[in-house]
PDB file of N, CA and C in Angstrom:
ATOM      1  N   ASP A   1      82.026  75.150 115.149  1.00  0.00           N
ATOM      2  CA  ASP A   1      82.272  74.659 116.524  1.00  0.00           C
ATOM      3  C   ASP A   1      80.950  74.723 117.379  1.00  0.00           C
ATOM      4  N   PHE A   2      81.047  74.382 118.534  1.00  0.00           N
ATOM      5  CA  PHE A   2      79.953  74.401 119.492  1.00  0.00           C
ATOM      6  C   PHE A   2      79.170  75.737 119.624  1.00  0.00           C
ATOM      7  N   SER A   3      80.028  76.797 119.730  1.00  0.00           N
ATOM      8  CA  SER A   3      79.456  78.099 119.889  1.00  0.00           C
ATOM      9  C   SER A   3      78.712  78.541 118.667  1.00  0.00           C
ATOM     10  N   ASP A   4      79.352  78.267 117.544  1.00  0.00           N
ATOM     11  CA  ASP A   4      78.613  78.548 116.208  1.00  0.00           C
ATOM     12  C   ASP A   4      77.401  77.776 116.041  1.00  0.00           C
ATOM     13  N   PHE A   5      77.306  76.468 116.464  1.00  0.00           N
ATOM     14  CA  PHE A   5      76.198  75.693 116.337  1.00  0.00           C
ATOM     15  C   PHE A   5      75.023  76.162 117.195  1.00  0.00           C
ATOM     16  N   ILE A   6      75.365  76.729 118.374  1.00  0.00           N
ATOM     17  CA  ILE A   6      74.355  77.194 119.270  1.00  0.00           C
ATOM     18  C   ILE A   6      73.814  78.516 118.650  1.00  0.00           C
ATOM     19  N   LYS A   7      74.779  79.348 118.212  1.00  0.00           N
ATOM     20  CA  LYS A   7      74.390  80.741 117.663  1.00  0.00           C
ATOM     21  C   LYS A   7      73.397  80.700 116.402  1.00  0.00           C
ATOM     22  N   LYS A   8      73.740  79.690 115.487  1.00  0.00           N
ATOM     23  CA  LYS A   8      73.243  79.685 114.230  1.00  0.00           C
ATOM     24  C   LYS A   8      72.030  78.709 114.062  1.00  0.00           C
ATOM     25  N   ASN A   9      71.656  78.037 115.224  1.00  0.00           N
ATOM     26  CA  ASN A   9      70.477  77.105 114.985  1.00  0.00           C
ATOM     27  C   ASN A   9      69.416  77.465 115.934  1.00  0.00           C
ATOM     28  N   THR A  10      68.123  76.998 115.648  1.00  0.00           N
ATOM     29  CA  THR A  10      67.002  77.243 116.412  1.00  0.00           C
ATOM     30  C   THR A  10      67.124  76.302 117.750  1.00  0.00           C
ATOM     31  N   SER A  11      66.309  76.671 118.710  1.00  0.00           N
ATOM     32  CA  SER A  11      66.295  75.775 119.876  1.00  0.00           C
ATOM     33  C   SER A  11      65.769  74.317 119.520  1.00  0.00           C
ATOM     34  N   THR A  12      64.933  74.317 118.576  1.00  0.00           N
ATOM     35  CA  THR A  12      64.448  72.984 118.155  1.00  0.00           C
ATOM     36  C   THR A  12      65.439  72.197 117.473  1.00  0.00           C
ATOM     37  N   THR A  13      66.298  72.702 116.557  1.00  0.00           N
ATOM     38  CA  THR A  13      67.338  71.930 116.071  1.00  0.00           C
ATOM     39  C   THR A  13      68.309  71.474 117.061  1.00  0.00           C
ATOM     40  N   ILE A  14      68.608  72.368 117.973  1.00  0.00           N
ATOM     41  CA  ILE A  14      69.723  72.048 119.139  1.00  0.00           C
ATOM     42  C   ILE A  14      69.141  70.897 119.993  1.00  0.00           C
ATOM     43  N   SER A  15      67.812  71.072 120.374  1.00  0.00           N
ATOM     44  CA  SER A  15      67.117  70.050 121.022  1.00  0.00           C
ATOM     45  C   SER A  15      67.086  68.790 120.407  1.00  0.00           C
ATOM     46  N   GLU A  16      66.803  68.684 119.077  1.00  0.00           N
ATOM     47  CA  GLU A  16      66.768  67.443 118.265  1.00  0.00           C
ATOM     48  C   GLU A  16      68.136  66.847 118.222  1.00  0.00           C
ATOM     49  N   PHE A  17      69.076  67.656 118.059  1.00  0.00           N
ATOM     50  CA  PHE A  17      70.591  67.044 117.960  1.00  0.00           C
ATOM     51  C   PHE A  17      70.821  66.365 119.191  1.00  0.00           C
ATOM     52  N   PHE A  18      70.607  66.834 120.440  1.00  0.00           N
ATOM     53  CA  PHE A  18      70.994  66.370 121.599  1.00  0.00           C
ATOM     54  C   PHE A  18      70.025  65.244 122.052  1.00  0.00           C
ATOM     55  N   ASN A  19      68.744  65.253 121.587  1.00  0.00           N
ATOM     56  CA  ASN A  19      67.806  64.137 121.805  1.00  0.00           C
ATOM     57  C   ASN A  19      68.314  62.884 120.962  1.00  0.00           C
ATOM     58  N   LYS A  20      68.856  63.211 119.649  1.00  0.00           N
ATOM     59  CA  LYS A  20      69.436  62.086 118.960  1.00  0.00           C
ATOM     60  C   LYS A  20      70.722  61.483 119.558  1.00  0.00           C
ATOM     61  N   THR A  21      71.478  62.417 120.133  1.00  0.00           N
ATOM     62  CA  THR A  21      72.783  62.047 120.863  1.00  0.00           C
ATOM     63  C   THR A  21      72.424  61.019 121.893  1.00  0.00           C
ATOM     64  N   ASN A  22      71.258  61.463 122.668  1.00  0.00           N
ATOM     65  CA  ASN A  22      70.959  60.529 123.815  1.00  0.00           C
ATOM     66  C   ASN A  22      70.407  59.133 123.182  1.00  0.00           C
ATOM     67  N   LEU A  23      69.754  59.188 122.131  1.00  0.00           N
ATOM     68  CA  LEU A  23      69.328  57.967 121.428  1.00  0.00           C
ATOM     69  C   LEU A  23      70.478  57.067 121.112  1.00  0.00           C
ATOM     70  N   VAL A  24      71.497  57.571 120.580  1.00  0.00           N
ATOM     71  CA  VAL A  24      72.719  56.925 120.252  1.00  0.00           C
ATOM     72  C   VAL A  24      73.361  56.331 121.562  1.00  0.00           C
ATOM     73  N   ILE A  25      73.352  57.042 122.680  1.00  0.00           N
ATOM     74  CA  ILE A  25      73.957  56.619 123.892  1.00  0.00           C
ATOM     75  C   ILE A  25      73.217  55.403 124.326  1.00  0.00           C
ATOM     76  N   GLU A  26      71.720  55.419 124.294  1.00  0.00           N
ATOM     77  CA  GLU A  26      70.958  54.350 124.699  1.00  0.00           C
ATOM     78  C   GLU A  26      71.182  53.179 123.826  1.00  0.00           C
ATOM     79  N   LYS A  27      71.353  53.319 122.519  1.00  0.00           N
ATOM     80  CA  LYS A  27      71.467  52.176 121.494  1.00  0.00           C
ATOM     81  C   LYS A  27      72.873  51.581 121.784  1.00  0.00           C
ATOM     82  N   LEU A  28      73.871  52.306 122.137  1.00  0.00           N
ATOM     83  CA  LEU A  28      75.234  51.811 122.394  1.00  0.00           C
ATOM     84  C   LEU A  28      75.177  51.026 123.829  1.00  0.00           C
ATOM     85  N   GLY A  29      74.140  51.312 124.646  1.00  0.00           N
ATOM     86  CA  GLY A  29      74.044  50.449 126.013  1.00  0.00           C
ATOM     87  C   GLY A  29      75.115  51.069 126.934  1.00  0.00           C
ATOM     88  N   ILE A  30      75.299  52.265 126.808  1.00  0.00           N
ATOM     89  CA  ILE A  30      76.409  52.853 127.775  1.00  0.00           C
ATOM     90  C   ILE A  30      75.773  53.951 128.747  1.00  0.00           C
ATOM     91  N   LYS A  31      74.579  54.053 128.810  1.00  0.00           N
ATOM     92  CA  LYS A  31      73.795  54.992 129.579  1.00  0.00           C
ATOM     93  C   LYS A  31      73.989  54.824 130.949  1.00  0.00           C
ATOM     94  N   LYS A  32      73.847  53.529 131.552  1.00  0.00           N
ATOM     95  CA  LYS A  32      73.978  53.164 132.860  1.00  0.00           C
ATOM     96  C   LYS A  32      75.527  53.232 133.309  1.00  0.00           C
ATOM     97  N   SER A  33      76.371  52.708 132.552  1.00  0.00           N
ATOM     98  CA  SER A  33      77.668  52.579 132.947  1.00  0.00           C
ATOM     99  C   SER A  33      78.600  53.822 132.835  1.00  0.00           C
ATOM    100  N   GLY A  34      78.080  54.753 132.050  1.00  0.00           N
ATOM    101  CA  GLY A  34      78.660  56.087 131.910  1.00  0.00           C
ATOM    102  C   GLY A  34      79.378  56.382 130.594  1.00  0.00           C
ATOM    103  N   TYR A  35      79.559  57.596 130.260  1.00  0.00           N
ATOM    104  CA  TYR A  35      80.189  58.030 129.147  1.00  0.00           C
ATOM    105  C   TYR A  35      80.676  59.527 129.261  1.00  0.00           C
ATOM    106  N   LYS A  36      81.360  60.034 128.208  1.00  0.00           N
ATOM    107  CA  LYS A  36      81.739  61.386 128.150  1.00  0.00           C
ATOM    108  C   LYS A  36      81.293  61.853 126.839  1.00  0.00           C
ATOM    109  N   ILE A  37      81.016  63.122 126.641  1.00  0.00           N
ATOM    110  CA  ILE A  37      80.783  63.851 125.333  1.00  0.00           C
ATOM    111  C   ILE A  37      81.705  64.900 125.187  1.00  0.00           C
ATOM    112  N   ILE A  38      82.485  64.810 124.103  1.00  0.00           N
ATOM    113  CA  ILE A  38      83.541  65.715 123.913  1.00  0.00           C
ATOM    114  C   ILE A  38      83.254  66.434 122.554  1.00  0.00           C
ATOM    115  N   SER A  39      83.487  67.724 122.613  1.00  0.00           N
ATOM    116  CA  SER A  39      83.574  68.483 121.323  1.00  0.00           C
ATOM    117  C   SER A  39      84.759  69.472 121.251  1.00  0.00           C
ATOM    118  N   ASN A  40      85.615  69.232 120.214  1.00  0.00           N
ATOM    119  CA  ASN A  40      86.810  70.051 120.196  1.00  0.00           C
ATOM    120  C   ASN A  40      86.445  71.376 119.409  1.00  0.00           C
ATOM    121  N   SER A  41      87.108  72.450 120.057  1.00  0.00           N
ATOM    122  CA  SER A  41      86.908  73.750 119.467  1.00  0.00           C
ATOM    123  C   SER A  41      88.220  74.570 119.447  1.00  0.00           C
ATOM    124  N   GLY A  42      88.571  75.094 118.322  1.00  0.00           N
ATOM    125  CA  GLY A  42      89.811  75.872 118.137  1.00  0.00           C
ATOM    126  C   GLY A  42      91.138  75.135 118.240  1.00  0.00           C
ATOM    127  N   ILE A  43      92.092  75.798 118.055  1.00  0.00           N
ATOM    128  CA  ILE A  43      93.509  75.273 118.043  1.00  0.00           C
ATOM    129  C   ILE A  43      93.859  74.575 119.386  1.00  0.00           C
ATOM    130  N   ASN A  44      93.575  75.228 120.555  1.00  0.00           N
ATOM    131  CA  ASN A  44      93.814  74.763 121.855  1.00  0.00           C
ATOM    132  C   ASN A  44      93.016  73.636 122.202  1.00  0.00           C
ATOM    133  N   GLY A  45      91.771  73.539 121.473  1.00  0.00           N
ATOM    134  CA  GLY A  45      90.916  72.460 121.901  1.00  0.00           C
ATOM    135  C   GLY A  45      91.181  71.241 120.756  1.00  0.00           C
ATOM    136  N   SER A  46      92.283  71.232 120.083  1.00  0.00           N
ATOM    137  CA  SER A  46      92.629  70.212 119.078  1.00  0.00           C
ATOM    138  C   SER A  46      91.710  70.048 117.890  1.00  0.00           C
ATOM    139  N   GLN A  47      90.980  71.075 117.560  1.00  0.00           N
ATOM    140  CA  GLN A  47      90.076  71.108 116.341  1.00  0.00           C
ATOM    141  C   GLN A  47      91.033  71.263 115.124  1.00  0.00           C
ATOM    142  N   GLU A  48      90.932  70.302 114.275  1.00  0.00           N
ATOM    143  CA  GLU A  48      91.846  70.392 113.136  1.00  0.00           C
ATOM    144  C   GLU A  48      91.096  70.947 111.898  1.00  0.00           C
ATOM    145  N   VAL A  49      89.860  70.527 111.737  1.00  0.00           N
ATOM    146  CA  VAL A  49      88.983  71.002 110.668  1.00  0.00           C
ATOM    147  C   VAL A  49      87.826  71.735 111.268  1.00  0.00           C
ATOM    148  N   PRO A  50      87.558  73.057 110.991  1.00  0.00           N
ATOM    149  CA  PRO A  50      86.473  73.710 111.687  1.00  0.00           C
ATOM    150  C   PRO A  50      85.046  73.249 111.275  1.00  0.00           C
ATOM    151  N   HIS A  51      84.513  72.536 112.122  1.00  0.00           N
ATOM    152  CA  HIS A  51      83.081  72.115 112.096  1.00  0.00           C
ATOM    153  C   HIS A  51      82.607  71.642 113.351  1.00  0.00           C
ATOM    154  N   PHE A  52      81.298  71.541 113.588  1.00  0.00           N
ATOM    155  CA  PHE A  52      80.804  70.952 114.813  1.00  0.00           C
ATOM    156  C   PHE A  52      80.503  69.484 114.813  1.00  0.00           C
ATOM    157  N   HIS A  53      81.015  68.675 115.763  1.00  0.00           N
ATOM    158  CA  HIS A  53      80.707  67.371 115.833  1.00  0.00           C
ATOM    159  C   HIS A  53      81.092  66.962 117.292  1.00  0.00           C
ATOM    160  N   ILE A  54      80.613  65.842 117.729  1.00  0.00           N
ATOM    161  CA  ILE A  54      80.799  65.444 119.093  1.00  0.00           C
ATOM    162  C   ILE A  54      81.388  64.042 119.017  1.00  0.00           C
ATOM    163  N   HIS A  55      82.093  63.547 120.071  1.00  0.00           N
ATOM    164  CA  HIS A  55      82.699  62.330 120.319  1.00  0.00           C
ATOM    165  C   HIS A  55      81.923  61.888 121.537  1.00  0.00           C
ATOM    166  N   ILE A  56      81.441  60.584 121.418  1.00  0.00           N
ATOM    167  CA  ILE A  56      80.731  59.861 122.585  1.00  0.00           C
ATOM    168  C   ILE A  56      81.721  58.734 123.086  1.00  0.00           C
ATOM    169  N   LEU A  57      82.326  58.913 124.259  1.00  0.00           N
ATOM    170  CA  LEU A  57      83.363  57.905 124.747  1.00  0.00           C
ATOM    171  C   LEU A  57      82.576  57.156 125.830  1.00  0.00           C
ATOM    172  N   GLY A  58      82.590  55.855 125.684  1.00  0.00           N
ATOM    173  CA  GLY A  58      81.986  54.977 126.643  1.00  0.00           C
ATOM    174  C   GLY A  58      82.324  53.521 126.472  1.00  0.00           C
ATOM    175  N   GLY A  59      81.789  52.617 127.273  1.00  0.00           N
ATOM    176  CA  GLY A  59      82.091  51.337 127.126  1.00  0.00           C
ATOM    177  C   GLY A  59      83.190  50.783 127.986  1.00  0.00           C
ATOM    178  N   GLN A  60      84.021  51.517 128.484  1.00  0.00           N
ATOM    179  CA  GLN A  60      85.120  51.185 129.349  1.00  0.00           C
ATOM    180  C   GLN A  60      85.410  52.557 130.158  1.00  0.00           C
ATOM    181  N   LYS A  61      86.190  52.474 131.248  1.00  0.00           N
ATOM    182  CA  LYS A  61      86.594  53.602 132.052  1.00  0.00           C
ATOM    183  C   LYS A  61      87.314  54.639 131.072  1.00  0.00           C
ATOM    184  N   VAL A  62      86.768  55.790 131.013  1.00  0.00           N
ATOM    185  CA  VAL A  62      87.513  56.931 130.205  1.00  0.00           C
ATOM    186  C   VAL A  62      88.071  57.833 131.081  1.00  0.00           C
ATOM    187  N   SER A  63      89.376  58.209 130.807  1.00  0.00           N
ATOM    188  CA  SER A  63      90.012  59.308 131.518  1.00  0.00           C
ATOM    189  C   SER A  63      90.465  60.380 130.440  1.00  0.00           C
ATOM    190  N   LEU A  64      90.710  61.452 130.865  1.00  0.00           N
ATOM    191  CA  LEU A  64      91.216  62.437 130.013  1.00  0.00           C
ATOM    192  C   LEU A  64      92.537  63.096 130.506  1.00  0.00           C
ATOM    193  N   SER A  65      93.538  62.909 129.783  1.00  0.00           N
ATOM    194  CA  SER A  65      94.863  63.531 130.176  1.00  0.00           C
ATOM    195  C   SER A  65      95.071  64.837 129.402  1.00  0.00           C
ATOM    196  N   ILE A  66      95.394  65.702 130.235  1.00  0.00           N
ATOM    197  CA  ILE A  66      95.569  67.176 129.673  1.00  0.00           C
ATOM    198  C   ILE A  66      97.011  67.534 129.838  1.00  0.00           C
TER     199      ILE A  66
END
């Protein structure tokens, strides 16, 4: 999950991951219109398989119902 990713990786790896995330956002053309980045963690966060990944939601108005 996110906490594990932060604890077990160097600041260089973490920075590279989020710089690549920004590149994907730019390539999708959603930077100006807006987007959400979501990472599920644990049972209450709806994480079904324990690993770190993100979801980039954009391209239309995105809401989150809890």
